[in-house]
Amino acid sequence: MERFCALILLAVLLLSECCVVNSIPQGEGTSTLTSLSGILQKIVSPCTSNQANCNIPDFDIVFALDSSSSIDDTEFNIQKYATKMIAEFINRHSPITPDGTRVGALTFATDVVREFELNEHTDLATVQGHIDAIHKRMGATNTKKALQTAKLMFEDFFIENKQKLIWLFTEGLFNQGDPRPTATQIKEQGWIICVVVIGNHGNVDGIDDLASPGCVVEIGNFAEACRDNREEEYYSFLMPYPEG
């Protein structure tokens, strides 16, 4: 079932590249996916038609995965699959290479684990393999330390001309200090924070204060639908599009 959810994520991201994403029927979970793909399109396509000599930037990306006790196994695996699909999408536009886009990852609960660093894995397949190998832990939700650690990961391997981007996965709760001042400091440096809200835990107050403008995705319905094995609700938006 989790493999199926991964294929759905990839399908929607690929559809968005063909400029048909806005016509996807809005069934259970699809609005989440179109929102995600729309954000990705804006990130990898910053240039407008009247900007001369504008190129898609190289990125430094840190994925921050919520590994706290309030995240169940399905929700944690959905985070990993979404992370791999986001990395694959960005790699299509700004390839992951030693001199190009770089990817790091951390998990957070009561404490934070730096799973791998920005300069550690230098191609998409290796990045995805190490995301697969990340294990869920337990504990509180230290979103503040997650953001502080992501910032340190940029600073420890700093290259000025790379756009800094944090993908923060969270259930919307934080109980180890207020992360919003740290998020504000990061954004004031011109760095981007995108927040993916996992699950339906009922408290998403302050999420907009964490994220950069327009960079919030709620993925709760998608994870719930995957858990309930409602495959037919997704085939309805995959089928209408002809090949080619």
C-alpha atoms as a PDB file:
ATOM      1  CA  MET A   1       0.000   0.000   0.000  1.00  0.00           C
ATOM      2  CA  GLU A   2       2.822   2.401   0.850  1.00  0.00           C
ATOM      3  CA  ARG A   3       4.424   1.588  -2.529  1.00  0.00           C
ATOM      4  CA  PHE A   4       1.129   2.499  -4.193  1.00  0.00           C
ATOM      5  CA  CYS A   5       1.087   5.844  -2.373  1.00  0.00           C
ATOM      6  CA  ALA A   6       4.599   6.525  -3.625  1.00  0.00           C
ATOM      7  CA  LEU A   7       3.483   5.895  -7.211  1.00  0.00           C
ATOM      8  CA  ILE A   8       0.573   8.287  -6.757  1.00  0.00           C
ATOM      9  CA  LEU A   9       2.904  11.022  -5.532  1.00  0.00           C
ATOM     10  CA  LEU A  10       5.213  10.491  -8.500  1.00  0.00           C
ATOM     11  CA  ALA A  11       2.312  10.456 -10.968  1.00  0.00           C
ATOM     12  CA  VAL A  12       0.990  13.808  -9.784  1.00  0.00           C
ATOM     13  CA  LEU A  13       4.431  15.412  -9.849  1.00  0.00           C
ATOM     14  CA  LEU A  14       5.002  14.156 -13.389  1.00  0.00           C
ATOM     15  CA  LEU A  15       1.565  15.375 -14.473  1.00  0.00           C
ATOM     16  CA  SER A  16       2.382  18.834 -13.160  1.00  0.00           C
ATOM     17  CA  GLU A  17       5.382  19.000 -15.493  1.00  0.00           C
ATOM     18  CA  CYS A  18       3.014  18.510 -18.423  1.00  0.00           C
ATOM     19  CA  CYS A  19       0.970  21.560 -17.358  1.00  0.00           C
ATOM     20  CA  VAL A  20      -2.214  19.563 -16.696  1.00  0.00           C
ATOM     21  CA  VAL A  21      -2.117  19.649 -12.919  1.00  0.00           C
ATOM     22  CA  ASN A  22      -4.853  22.273 -12.576  1.00  0.00           C
ATOM     23  CA  SER A  23      -7.367  20.006 -14.312  1.00  0.00           C
ATOM     24  CA  ILE A  24      -6.925  17.054 -11.952  1.00  0.00           C
ATOM     25  CA  PRO A  25     -10.301  16.157 -10.390  1.00  0.00           C
ATOM     26  CA  GLN A  26     -10.310  17.045  -6.714  1.00  0.00           C
ATOM     27  CA  GLY A  27     -11.073  13.701  -5.063  1.00  0.00           C
ATOM     28  CA  GLU A  28      -9.922  12.643  -1.597  1.00  0.00           C
ATOM     29  CA  GLY A  29      -6.276  13.611  -1.252  1.00  0.00           C
ATOM     30  CA  THR A  30      -5.745  15.021  -4.745  1.00  0.00           C
ATOM     31  CA  SER A  31      -5.944  18.667  -3.659  1.00  0.00           C
ATOM     32  CA  THR A  32      -3.049  17.928  -1.320  1.00  0.00           C
ATOM     33  CA  LEU A  33      -0.997  16.538  -4.171  1.00  0.00           C
ATOM     34  CA  THR A  34      -1.783  19.321  -6.606  1.00  0.00           C
ATOM     35  CA  SER A  35      -0.848  21.808  -3.890  1.00  0.00           C
ATOM     36  CA  LEU A  36       2.478  20.024  -3.402  1.00  0.00           C
ATOM     37  CA  SER A  37       3.234  19.909  -7.109  1.00  0.00           C
ATOM     38  CA  GLY A  38       2.278  23.577  -7.504  1.00  0.00           C
ATOM     39  CA  ILE A  39       4.742  24.572  -4.796  1.00  0.00           C
ATOM     40  CA  LEU A  40       7.456  22.490  -6.448  1.00  0.00           C
ATOM     41  CA  GLN A  41       6.801  24.142  -9.799  1.00  0.00           C
ATOM     42  CA  LYS A  42       7.278  27.579  -8.240  1.00  0.00           C
ATOM     43  CA  ILE A  43      10.485  26.508  -6.496  1.00  0.00           C
ATOM     44  CA  VAL A  44      12.161  25.058  -9.583  1.00  0.00           C
ATOM     45  CA  SER A  45      10.807  27.693 -12.003  1.00  0.00           C
ATOM     46  CA  PRO A  46      11.644  31.076 -10.433  1.00  0.00           C
ATOM     47  CA  CYS A  47      12.190  32.814 -13.750  1.00  0.00           C
ATOM     48  CA  THR A  48       9.502  34.770 -15.562  1.00  0.00           C
ATOM     49  CA  SER A  49       9.289  35.188 -19.318  1.00  0.00           C
ATOM     50  CA  ASN A  50      10.643  38.749 -19.192  1.00  0.00           C
ATOM     51  CA  GLN A  51      13.775  37.873 -17.185  1.00  0.00           C
ATOM     52  CA  ALA A  52      16.825  37.560 -19.406  1.00  0.00           C
ATOM     53  CA  ASN A  53      19.641  35.122 -18.589  1.00  0.00           C
ATOM     54  CA  CYS A  54      17.708  33.595 -15.689  1.00  0.00           C
ATOM     55  CA  ASN A  55      18.612  30.037 -14.713  1.00  0.00           C
ATOM     56  CA  ILE A  56      17.112  27.544 -12.288  1.00  0.00           C
ATOM     57  CA  PRO A  57      19.349  27.715  -9.203  1.00  0.00           C
ATOM     58  CA  ASP A  58      21.254  24.945  -7.520  1.00  0.00           C
ATOM     59  CA  PHE A  59      19.762  24.114  -4.132  1.00  0.00           C
ATOM     60  CA  ASP A  60      20.927  23.100  -0.706  1.00  0.00           C
ATOM     61  CA  ILE A  61      17.972  21.119   0.653  1.00  0.00           C
ATOM     62  CA  VAL A  62      17.468  19.750   4.155  1.00  0.00           C
ATOM     63  CA  PHE A  63      14.544  17.396   4.715  1.00  0.00           C
ATOM     64  CA  ALA A  64      13.370  17.404   8.357  1.00  0.00           C
ATOM     65  CA  LEU A  65      11.201  14.368   9.137  1.00  0.00           C
ATOM     66  CA  ASP A  66       8.974  14.201  12.211  1.00  0.00           C
ATOM     67  CA  SER A  67       9.845  11.032  14.139  1.00  0.00           C
ATOM     68  CA  SER A  68       7.887  11.801  17.318  1.00  0.00           C
ATOM     69  CA  SER A  69       5.526   9.438  19.123  1.00  0.00           C
ATOM     70  CA  SER A  70       2.434  11.122  17.669  1.00  0.00           C
ATOM     71  CA  ILE A  71       3.440  10.021  14.150  1.00  0.00           C
ATOM     72  CA  ASP A  72       2.373   6.467  13.355  1.00  0.00           C
ATOM     73  CA  ASP A  73       4.296   4.085  11.103  1.00  0.00           C
ATOM     74  CA  THR A  74       2.198   4.813   8.004  1.00  0.00           C
ATOM     75  CA  GLU A  75       2.594   8.560   8.442  1.00  0.00           C
ATOM     76  CA  PHE A  76       6.353   8.188   8.892  1.00  0.00           C
ATOM     77  CA  ASN A  77       6.671   6.074   5.754  1.00  0.00           C
ATOM     78  CA  ILE A  78       4.556   8.578   3.821  1.00  0.00           C
ATOM     79  CA  GLN A  79       7.070  11.243   4.856  1.00  0.00           C
ATOM     80  CA  LYS A  80       9.911   9.151   3.456  1.00  0.00           C
ATOM     81  CA  TYR A  81       8.119   8.462   0.183  1.00  0.00           C
ATOM     82  CA  ALA A  82       7.167  12.115  -0.212  1.00  0.00           C
ATOM     83  CA  THR A  83      10.769  13.109   0.509  1.00  0.00           C
ATOM     84  CA  LYS A  84      12.056  10.774  -2.198  1.00  0.00           C
ATOM     85  CA  MET A  85       9.528  12.040  -4.728  1.00  0.00           C
ATOM     86  CA  ILE A  86      10.316  15.692  -3.958  1.00  0.00           C
ATOM     87  CA  ALA A  87      14.024  14.949  -4.382  1.00  0.00           C
ATOM     88  CA  GLU A  88      13.318  13.219  -7.691  1.00  0.00           C
ATOM     89  CA  PHE A  89      11.216  16.118  -8.946  1.00  0.00           C
ATOM     90  CA  ILE A  90      13.858  18.716  -8.074  1.00  0.00           C
ATOM     91  CA  ASN A  91      16.592  16.509  -9.549  1.00  0.00           C
ATOM     92  CA  ARG A  92      14.817  16.661 -12.921  1.00  0.00           C
ATOM     93  CA  HIS A  93      15.270  20.433 -12.980  1.00  0.00           C
ATOM     94  CA  SER A  94      18.365  21.004 -10.851  1.00  0.00           C
ATOM     95  CA  PRO A  95      20.366  17.756 -10.741  1.00  0.00           C
ATOM     96  CA  ILE A  96      21.873  16.401  -7.535  1.00  0.00           C
ATOM     97  CA  THR A  97      25.626  16.357  -8.192  1.00  0.00           C
ATOM     98  CA  PRO A  98      28.799  17.205  -6.246  1.00  0.00           C
ATOM     99  CA  ASP A  99      28.796  20.697  -7.779  1.00  0.00           C
ATOM    100  CA  GLY A 100      25.027  21.098  -8.168  1.00  0.00           C
ATOM    101  CA  THR A 101      22.055  20.588  -5.878  1.00  0.00           C
ATOM    102  CA  ARG A 102      22.896  18.990  -2.526  1.00  0.00           C
ATOM    103  CA  VAL A 103      20.541  17.150  -0.169  1.00  0.00           C
ATOM    104  CA  GLY A 104      20.732  16.449   3.567  1.00  0.00           C
ATOM    105  CA  ALA A 105      18.237  14.967   6.004  1.00  0.00           C
ATOM    106  CA  LEU A 106      17.447  14.938   9.712  1.00  0.00           C
ATOM    107  CA  THR A 107      14.851  13.355  11.951  1.00  0.00           C
ATOM    108  CA  PHE A 108      13.472  14.980  15.052  1.00  0.00           C
ATOM    109  CA  ALA A 109      11.628  13.857  18.159  1.00  0.00           C
ATOM    110  CA  THR A 110      12.784  14.927  21.622  1.00  0.00           C
ATOM    111  CA  ASP A 111      16.233  15.324  20.089  1.00  0.00           C
ATOM    112  CA  VAL A 112      17.515  15.626  16.524  1.00  0.00           C
ATOM    113  CA  VAL A 113      19.557  13.159  14.464  1.00  0.00           C
ATOM    114  CA  ARG A 114      21.469  14.407  11.431  1.00  0.00           C
ATOM    115  CA  GLU A 115      20.788  11.424   9.173  1.00  0.00           C
ATOM    116  CA  PHE A 116      23.121  12.573   6.392  1.00  0.00           C
ATOM    117  CA  GLU A 117      24.892  15.781   5.460  1.00  0.00           C
ATOM    118  CA  LEU A 118      24.664  18.011   2.399  1.00  0.00           C
ATOM    119  CA  ASN A 119      27.988  16.844   0.959  1.00  0.00           C
ATOM    120  CA  GLU A 120      27.581  13.166   1.847  1.00  0.00           C
ATOM    121  CA  HIS A 121      25.546  11.721  -1.057  1.00  0.00           C
ATOM    122  CA  THR A 122      25.920  13.246  -4.494  1.00  0.00           C
ATOM    123  CA  ASP A 123      23.354  11.581  -6.760  1.00  0.00           C
ATOM    124  CA  LEU A 124      19.621  10.946  -6.625  1.00  0.00           C
ATOM    125  CA  ALA A 125      19.775   7.161  -6.264  1.00  0.00           C
ATOM    126  CA  THR A 126      22.115   7.330  -3.275  1.00  0.00           C
ATOM    127  CA  VAL A 127      20.031  10.050  -1.618  1.00  0.00           C
ATOM    128  CA  GLN A 128      16.851   8.013  -2.056  1.00  0.00           C
ATOM    129  CA  GLY A 129      18.530   4.866  -0.761  1.00  0.00           C
ATOM    130  CA  HIS A 130      19.613   6.593   2.433  1.00  0.00           C
ATOM    131  CA  ILE A 131      16.144   8.101   2.895  1.00  0.00           C
ATOM    132  CA  ASP A 132      14.757   4.555   2.676  1.00  0.00           C
ATOM    133  CA  ALA A 133      17.152   3.489   5.430  1.00  0.00           C
ATOM    134  CA  ILE A 134      15.934   6.096   7.959  1.00  0.00           C
ATOM    135  CA  HIS A 135      14.245   4.531  10.986  1.00  0.00           C
ATOM    136  CA  LYS A 136      11.447   5.984  13.080  1.00  0.00           C
ATOM    137  CA  ARG A 137      12.231   6.947  16.646  1.00  0.00           C
ATOM    138  CA  MET A 138       9.926   8.075  19.459  1.00  0.00           C
ATOM    139  CA  GLY A 139       9.608  11.039  21.787  1.00  0.00           C
ATOM    140  CA  ALA A 140       8.360  14.610  21.949  1.00  0.00           C
ATOM    141  CA  THR A 141       8.187  17.055  19.012  1.00  0.00           C
ATOM    142  CA  ASN A 142      11.192  19.367  19.084  1.00  0.00           C
ATOM    143  CA  THR A 143      10.448  21.419  15.978  1.00  0.00           C
ATOM    144  CA  LYS A 144      12.557  24.280  17.299  1.00  0.00           C
ATOM    145  CA  LYS A 145      15.695  22.156  17.439  1.00  0.00           C
ATOM    146  CA  ALA A 146      14.895  20.660  14.031  1.00  0.00           C
ATOM    147  CA  LEU A 147      14.980  24.114  12.439  1.00  0.00           C
ATOM    148  CA  GLN A 148      18.080  25.107  14.395  1.00  0.00           C
ATOM    149  CA  THR A 149      19.831  21.943  13.214  1.00  0.00           C
ATOM    150  CA  ALA A 150      18.788  22.443   9.590  1.00  0.00           C
ATOM    151  CA  LYS A 151      20.267  25.939   9.768  1.00  0.00           C
ATOM    152  CA  LEU A 152      23.514  24.500  11.167  1.00  0.00           C
ATOM    153  CA  MET A 153      23.644  21.943   8.362  1.00  0.00           C
ATOM    154  CA  PHE A 154      23.580  24.776   5.822  1.00  0.00           C
ATOM    155  CA  GLU A 155      26.214  26.719   7.731  1.00  0.00           C
ATOM    156  CA  ASP A 156      28.551  23.757   8.228  1.00  0.00           C
ATOM    157  CA  PHE A 157      28.794  23.175   4.467  1.00  0.00           C
ATOM    158  CA  PHE A 158      27.987  26.681   3.282  1.00  0.00           C
ATOM    159  CA  ILE A 159      28.128  27.629  -0.396  1.00  0.00           C
ATOM    160  CA  GLU A 160      26.757  31.106  -0.975  1.00  0.00           C
ATOM    161  CA  ASN A 161      25.248  30.759  -4.440  1.00  0.00           C
ATOM    162  CA  LYS A 162      22.949  27.823  -3.608  1.00  0.00           C
ATOM    163  CA  GLN A 163      19.311  28.529  -2.683  1.00  0.00           C
ATOM    164  CA  LYS A 164      18.666  27.188   0.815  1.00  0.00           C
ATOM    165  CA  LEU A 165      15.453  25.172   1.222  1.00  0.00           C
ATOM    166  CA  ILE A 166      14.071  23.333   4.261  1.00  0.00           C
ATOM    167  CA  TRP A 167      11.261  20.799   3.829  1.00  0.00           C
ATOM    168  CA  LEU A 168       9.796  20.429   7.314  1.00  0.00           C
ATOM    169  CA  PHE A 169       7.404  17.512   7.858  1.00  0.00           C
ATOM    170  CA  THR A 170       5.382  17.836  11.066  1.00  0.00           C
ATOM    171  CA  GLU A 171       2.111  16.826  12.659  1.00  0.00           C
ATOM    172  CA  GLY A 172       1.583  20.482  13.586  1.00  0.00           C
ATOM    173  CA  LEU A 173       2.381  20.199  17.281  1.00  0.00           C
ATOM    174  CA  PHE A 174       5.495  21.399  19.072  1.00  0.00           C
ATOM    175  CA  ASN A 175       6.220  20.897  22.748  1.00  0.00           C
ATOM    176  CA  GLN A 176       9.930  21.605  23.216  1.00  0.00           C
ATOM    177  CA  GLY A 177       9.974  25.371  22.764  1.00  0.00           C
ATOM    178  CA  ASP A 178       8.480  27.774  20.242  1.00  0.00           C
ATOM    179  CA  PRO A 179      10.065  27.240  16.784  1.00  0.00           C
ATOM    180  CA  ARG A 180       8.639  30.417  15.256  1.00  0.00           C
ATOM    181  CA  PRO A 181      11.487  32.811  16.206  1.00  0.00           C
ATOM    182  CA  THR A 182      13.990  30.392  14.646  1.00  0.00           C
ATOM    183  CA  ALA A 183      11.849  30.118  11.519  1.00  0.00           C
ATOM    184  CA  THR A 184      11.660  33.908  11.268  1.00  0.00           C
ATOM    185  CA  GLN A 185      15.436  34.179  11.553  1.00  0.00           C
ATOM    186  CA  ILE A 186      15.917  31.604   8.792  1.00  0.00           C
ATOM    187  CA  LYS A 187      13.467  33.343   6.460  1.00  0.00           C
ATOM    188  CA  GLU A 188      15.065  36.736   7.111  1.00  0.00           C
ATOM    189  CA  GLN A 189      18.247  35.296   5.596  1.00  0.00           C
ATOM    190  CA  GLY A 190      16.340  34.711   2.369  1.00  0.00           C
ATOM    191  CA  TRP A 191      16.095  30.976   2.909  1.00  0.00           C
ATOM    192  CA  ILE A 192      12.880  29.043   2.190  1.00  0.00           C
ATOM    193  CA  ILE A 193      10.909  26.875   4.614  1.00  0.00           C
ATOM    194  CA  CYS A 194       8.182  24.626   3.202  1.00  0.00           C
ATOM    195  CA  VAL A 195       5.994  22.845   5.756  1.00  0.00           C
ATOM    196  CA  VAL A 196       4.203  19.570   5.029  1.00  0.00           C
ATOM    197  CA  VAL A 197       1.565  18.897   7.704  1.00  0.00           C
ATOM    198  CA  ILE A 198       1.240  15.151   8.287  1.00  0.00           C
ATOM    199  CA  GLY A 199      -1.891  13.526   9.689  1.00  0.00           C
ATOM    200  CA  ASN A 200      -5.028  14.932  11.244  1.00  0.00           C
ATOM    201  CA  HIS A 201      -3.834  15.810  14.713  1.00  0.00           C
ATOM    202  CA  GLY A 202      -6.047  18.865  15.053  1.00  0.00           C
ATOM    203  CA  ASN A 203      -3.555  21.573  16.018  1.00  0.00           C
ATOM    204  CA  VAL A 204      -1.879  23.422  13.169  1.00  0.00           C
ATOM    205  CA  ASP A 205      -1.781  26.818  14.852  1.00  0.00           C
ATOM    206  CA  GLY A 206       1.345  28.689  13.914  1.00  0.00           C
ATOM    207  CA  ILE A 207       2.180  26.615  10.826  1.00  0.00           C
ATOM    208  CA  ASP A 208       1.825  29.643   8.559  1.00  0.00           C
ATOM    209  CA  ASP A 209       4.253  31.476  10.844  1.00  0.00           C
ATOM    210  CA  LEU A 210       6.839  28.741  10.288  1.00  0.00           C
ATOM    211  CA  ALA A 211       6.544  28.529   6.514  1.00  0.00           C
ATOM    212  CA  SER A 212       7.583  30.858   3.757  1.00  0.00           C
ATOM    213  CA  PRO A 213       4.578  32.494   2.036  1.00  0.00           C
ATOM    214  CA  GLY A 214       2.488  29.986   0.106  1.00  0.00           C
ATOM    215  CA  CYS A 215       4.619  27.012   1.141  1.00  0.00           C
ATOM    216  CA  VAL A 216       2.302  24.910   3.334  1.00  0.00           C
ATOM    217  CA  VAL A 217       0.867  21.535   2.313  1.00  0.00           C
ATOM    218  CA  GLU A 218      -1.570  19.484   4.423  1.00  0.00           C
ATOM    219  CA  ILE A 219      -1.071  15.844   3.575  1.00  0.00           C
ATOM    220  CA  GLY A 220      -3.309  14.321   6.251  1.00  0.00           C
ATOM    221  CA  ASN A 221      -6.122  13.201   3.966  1.00  0.00           C
ATOM    222  CA  PHE A 222      -3.671  11.549   1.592  1.00  0.00           C
ATOM    223  CA  ALA A 223      -2.025   9.515   4.361  1.00  0.00           C
ATOM    224  CA  GLU A 224      -5.433   8.532   5.735  1.00  0.00           C
ATOM    225  CA  ALA A 225      -6.679   7.403   2.340  1.00  0.00           C
ATOM    226  CA  CYS A 226      -3.551   5.334   1.783  1.00  0.00           C
ATOM    227  CA  ARG A 227      -3.984   3.708   5.180  1.00  0.00           C
ATOM    228  CA  ASP A 228      -7.595   2.825   4.359  1.00  0.00           C
ATOM    229  CA  ASN A 229      -6.605   1.294   0.990  1.00  0.00           C
ATOM    230  CA  ARG A 230      -8.971   3.473  -1.065  1.00  0.00           C
ATOM    231  CA  GLU A 231      -7.115   2.991  -4.364  1.00  0.00           C
ATOM    232  CA  GLU A 232     -10.150   3.612  -6.584  1.00  0.00           C
ATOM    233  CA  GLU A 233     -10.250   7.253  -5.474  1.00  0.00           C
ATOM    234  CA  TYR A 234      -6.851   7.838  -7.107  1.00  0.00           C
ATOM    235  CA  TYR A 235      -7.298   5.927 -10.350  1.00  0.00           C
ATOM    236  CA  SER A 236     -10.067   8.392 -11.220  1.00  0.00           C
ATOM    237  CA  PHE A 237      -7.548  11.189 -11.746  1.00  0.00           C
ATOM    238  CA  LEU A 238      -4.824   9.046 -13.339  1.00  0.00           C
ATOM    239  CA  MET A 239      -7.003   7.569 -16.075  1.00  0.00           C
ATOM    240  CA  PRO A 240      -8.224  10.670 -18.016  1.00  0.00           C
ATOM    241  CA  TYR A 241      -4.802  11.671 -19.352  1.00  0.00           C
ATOM    242  CA  PRO A 242      -3.687  10.256 -22.714  1.00  0.00           C
ATOM    243  CA  GLU A 243      -0.130   9.068 -23.176  1.00  0.00           C
ATOM    244  CA  GLY A 244       2.381  11.281 -24.952  1.00  0.00           C
END
